[in-house]
Amino acid sequence: MDYIEDCSDERHKSFCIYCGCAESSAPVSRDHVPTKGILLEPYPRNLPTVTVCRACNGGFSLDEEYLIAFLGAVLAGTTDPAAQKLPAASRILGRNESLKSLIDRARQECPSFGDEKQLIWMPDLERVRRVIVKNSRGHAFYEF
C-alpha cells in the first residue's frame, strides 16, 4: 500500500477530526478511510489515511467489527463463519460468539409470496451510523 503525501494545510492537522482534542495532547495513529475490513484484498494502493487520536481510532473498533460482521451475514444469509463471503466477517464471527448471537437475533424470516421465506435483517442503527459518520468525516477531511 502506498502512502500518499498529505499536502493539506498544517493548521487543519492539529486536532482529532473525530473528538476535537489537540493532537499534541494525545497519542496519535493513522486511520484508514474507508475502514479496511469492509474492503476485499488486495487493498487499493492509495487507500486514504488520516491522523487521529489513538483513543478515537480504537474507540470505533467494536462498531466497525459489528458492521463488517453484519454486512457479511446479510450477504451470506447466515452468521455461519464458514459461509461468509467477506474474509473479515468470517474471522470476526468465528472468534466472537456474543456478536454472532447478537446478529443472529437481528435476522427475521417473514412470509413471502409462495412457499419461500424472506429474510429481514434489523441492524443496530446507532452503531451503523457511528461507522458511517466516522468514515464520512475521514473522507471529507482527507479530501479537504
Foldseek 3Di string as FASTA:
>chain_A
DDEDDQPDDVVLQQAALPPGHGCVVAPKDKAFFPHCQQDDPPDPNHGDIHIHGPCVRVVLVVLVLLVSLLVQCVVQVAQQLVSGPRVSNSVSSVVDVVSRVVQVVQWDWDDDPDPHTDIDGDGPVVSVVVSVVVSVSRVVSSVD
